[in-house]
Amino acid sequence: MSLLYETLDDTDHLRIDGELTIYTAADLAAQWLPRLGATPRMQLDLSQVTEIDGAGLQLLLMALREAPKAGTRLTLTGRSQAVSETLKLCNLKA
């Protein structure tokens, strides 16, 4: 699992490569969540997520909830098949 990011203008572009699971969620949260509020916009690319479980889904939902409080508009982009299937299974349109 890795979190790649760059800032262009006023937007953070992040991409998660690998698992978004109980084994990686705490590390991802430590890297990602402090960036909320650093820029007005953040785009999270999920196209390279190979696996997602309940912990990963909780992290996504928490970030979507907390981003506006921090002053950041968070959008999810490029959903992998694993992410799309999980969101569909949970009847979420995040």
C-alpha atoms as a PDB file:
ATOM      1  CA  MET A   1       0.000   0.000   0.000  1.00  0.00           C
ATOM      2  CA  SER A   2       1.222   3.459  -0.803  1.00  0.00           C
ATOM      3  CA  LEU A   3      -0.280   6.918  -0.839  1.00  0.00           C
ATOM      4  CA  LEU A   4       0.980   9.116  -3.642  1.00  0.00           C
ATOM      5  CA  TYR A   5       0.149  12.787  -3.678  1.00  0.00           C
ATOM      6  CA  GLU A   6       0.911  16.064  -5.344  1.00  0.00           C
ATOM      7  CA  THR A   7      -0.546  19.528  -5.058  1.00  0.00           C
ATOM      8  CA  LEU A   8      -1.454  21.449  -8.183  1.00  0.00           C
ATOM      9  CA  ASP A   9      -2.786  24.973  -7.735  1.00  0.00           C
ATOM     10  CA  ASP A  10      -5.324  24.679  -4.913  1.00  0.00           C
ATOM     11  CA  THR A  11      -6.030  20.936  -5.227  1.00  0.00           C
ATOM     12  CA  ASP A  12      -4.369  17.962  -3.556  1.00  0.00           C
ATOM     13  CA  HIS A  13      -4.322  14.904  -5.832  1.00  0.00           C
ATOM     14  CA  LEU A  14      -3.934  11.658  -3.899  1.00  0.00           C
ATOM     15  CA  ARG A  15      -3.827   8.081  -5.138  1.00  0.00           C
ATOM     16  CA  ILE A  16      -3.990   4.949  -3.034  1.00  0.00           C
ATOM     17  CA  ASP A  17      -2.067   2.046  -4.538  1.00  0.00           C
ATOM     18  CA  GLY A  18      -2.807  -1.399  -3.114  1.00  0.00           C
ATOM     19  CA  GLU A  19      -5.028  -2.514  -0.266  1.00  0.00           C
ATOM     20  CA  LEU A  20      -7.437  -0.329   1.674  1.00  0.00           C
ATOM     21  CA  THR A  21      -8.013  -2.792   4.501  1.00  0.00           C
ATOM     22  CA  ILE A  22      -7.722  -3.202   8.239  1.00  0.00           C
ATOM     23  CA  TYR A  23      -4.004  -3.821   7.698  1.00  0.00           C
ATOM     24  CA  THR A  24      -3.410  -0.479   5.975  1.00  0.00           C
ATOM     25  CA  ALA A  25      -6.186   1.844   7.186  1.00  0.00           C
ATOM     26  CA  ALA A  26      -4.358   3.220  10.243  1.00  0.00           C
ATOM     27  CA  ASP A  27      -1.223   4.026   8.247  1.00  0.00           C
ATOM     28  CA  LEU A  28      -3.259   5.609   5.456  1.00  0.00           C
ATOM     29  CA  ALA A  29      -5.248   7.654   7.962  1.00  0.00           C
ATOM     30  CA  ALA A  30      -2.040   8.948   9.546  1.00  0.00           C
ATOM     31  CA  GLN A  31      -0.733  10.061   6.147  1.00  0.00           C
ATOM     32  CA  TRP A  32      -3.954  11.272   4.585  1.00  0.00           C
ATOM     33  CA  LEU A  33      -6.222  12.831   7.214  1.00  0.00           C
ATOM     34  CA  PRO A  34      -3.748  15.533   8.339  1.00  0.00           C
ATOM     35  CA  ARG A  35      -3.802  16.843   4.756  1.00  0.00           C
ATOM     36  CA  LEU A  36      -7.522  17.682   5.039  1.00  0.00           C
ATOM     37  CA  GLY A  37      -7.794  21.453   5.226  1.00  0.00           C
ATOM     38  CA  ALA A  38      -4.408  22.054   3.578  1.00  0.00           C
ATOM     39  CA  THR A  39      -6.082  22.935   0.267  1.00  0.00           C
ATOM     40  CA  PRO A  40      -9.643  23.881  -0.687  1.00  0.00           C
ATOM     41  CA  ARG A  41     -10.012  20.769  -2.857  1.00  0.00           C
ATOM     42  CA  MET A  42      -8.796  17.201  -2.716  1.00  0.00           C
ATOM     43  CA  GLN A  43      -9.218  14.479  -5.306  1.00  0.00           C
ATOM     44  CA  LEU A  44      -8.730  10.907  -4.151  1.00  0.00           C
ATOM     45  CA  ASP A  45      -7.985   8.467  -6.961  1.00  0.00           C
ATOM     46  CA  LEU A  46      -9.123   4.954  -6.037  1.00  0.00           C
ATOM     47  CA  SER A  47      -8.349   3.342  -9.398  1.00  0.00           C
ATOM     48  CA  GLN A  48      -5.395   1.358  -8.023  1.00  0.00           C
ATOM     49  CA  VAL A  49      -7.111  -0.009  -4.898  1.00  0.00           C
ATOM     50  CA  THR A  50      -6.813  -3.781  -5.136  1.00  0.00           C
ATOM     51  CA  GLU A  51      -8.883  -4.696  -2.062  1.00  0.00           C
ATOM     52  CA  ILE A  52     -11.173  -2.847   0.332  1.00  0.00           C
ATOM     53  CA  ASP A  53     -12.841  -4.072   3.515  1.00  0.00           C
ATOM     54  CA  GLY A  54     -14.966  -2.581   6.293  1.00  0.00           C
ATOM     55  CA  ALA A  55     -12.040  -0.656   7.814  1.00  0.00           C
ATOM     56  CA  GLY A  56     -11.176   0.848   4.439  1.00  0.00           C
ATOM     57  CA  LEU A  57     -14.782   1.789   3.823  1.00  0.00           C
ATOM     58  CA  GLN A  58     -14.975   3.401   7.273  1.00  0.00           C
ATOM     59  CA  LEU A  59     -11.876   5.458   6.490  1.00  0.00           C
ATOM     60  CA  LEU A  60     -13.388   6.690   3.228  1.00  0.00           C
ATOM     61  CA  LEU A  61     -16.681   7.599   4.881  1.00  0.00           C
ATOM     62  CA  MET A  62     -14.933   9.344   7.776  1.00  0.00           C
ATOM     63  CA  ALA A  63     -12.821  11.408   5.373  1.00  0.00           C
ATOM     64  CA  LEU A  64     -15.900  12.359   3.356  1.00  0.00           C
ATOM     65  CA  ARG A  65     -17.577  13.470   6.590  1.00  0.00           C
ATOM     66  CA  GLU A  66     -14.573  15.350   8.013  1.00  0.00           C
ATOM     67  CA  ALA A  67     -13.314  17.066   4.843  1.00  0.00           C
ATOM     68  CA  PRO A  68     -16.014  19.782   4.781  1.00  0.00           C
ATOM     69  CA  LYS A  69     -15.384  20.510   8.451  1.00  0.00           C
ATOM     70  CA  ALA A  70     -11.723  21.097   7.580  1.00  0.00           C
ATOM     71  CA  GLY A  71     -12.650  23.313   4.637  1.00  0.00           C
ATOM     72  CA  THR A  72     -11.791  20.819   1.900  1.00  0.00           C
ATOM     73  CA  ARG A  73     -14.065  19.571  -0.871  1.00  0.00           C
ATOM     74  CA  LEU A  74     -13.178  15.888  -1.237  1.00  0.00           C
ATOM     75  CA  THR A  75     -14.084  13.993  -4.394  1.00  0.00           C
ATOM     76  CA  LEU A  76     -13.479  10.326  -5.138  1.00  0.00           C
ATOM     77  CA  THR A  77     -12.265   9.517  -8.637  1.00  0.00           C
ATOM     78  CA  GLY A  78     -11.173   6.519 -10.656  1.00  0.00           C
ATOM     79  CA  ARG A  79     -12.807   3.746  -8.662  1.00  0.00           C
ATOM     80  CA  SER A  80     -11.313   0.292  -9.104  1.00  0.00           C
ATOM     81  CA  GLN A  81     -13.539  -2.740  -9.517  1.00  0.00           C
ATOM     82  CA  ALA A  82     -13.008  -3.622  -5.831  1.00  0.00           C
ATOM     83  CA  VAL A  83     -14.125  -0.148  -4.715  1.00  0.00           C
ATOM     84  CA  SER A  84     -17.097  -0.066  -7.093  1.00  0.00           C
ATOM     85  CA  GLU A  85     -18.306  -3.489  -5.954  1.00  0.00           C
ATOM     86  CA  THR A  86     -17.976  -2.569  -2.267  1.00  0.00           C
ATOM     87  CA  LEU A  87     -19.857   0.694  -2.669  1.00  0.00           C
ATOM     88  CA  LYS A  88     -22.572  -1.049  -4.665  1.00  0.00           C
ATOM     89  CA  LEU A  89     -22.844  -3.853  -2.099  1.00  0.00           C
ATOM     90  CA  CYS A  90     -23.301  -1.266   0.661  1.00  0.00           C
ATOM     91  CA  ASN A  91     -25.733   0.753  -1.484  1.00  0.00           C
ATOM     92  CA  LEU A  92     -23.475   3.835  -1.292  1.00  0.00           C
ATOM     93  CA  LYS A  93     -23.093   6.484  -3.935  1.00  0.00           C
ATOM     94  CA  ALA A  94     -20.029   8.170  -2.389  1.00  0.00           C
END
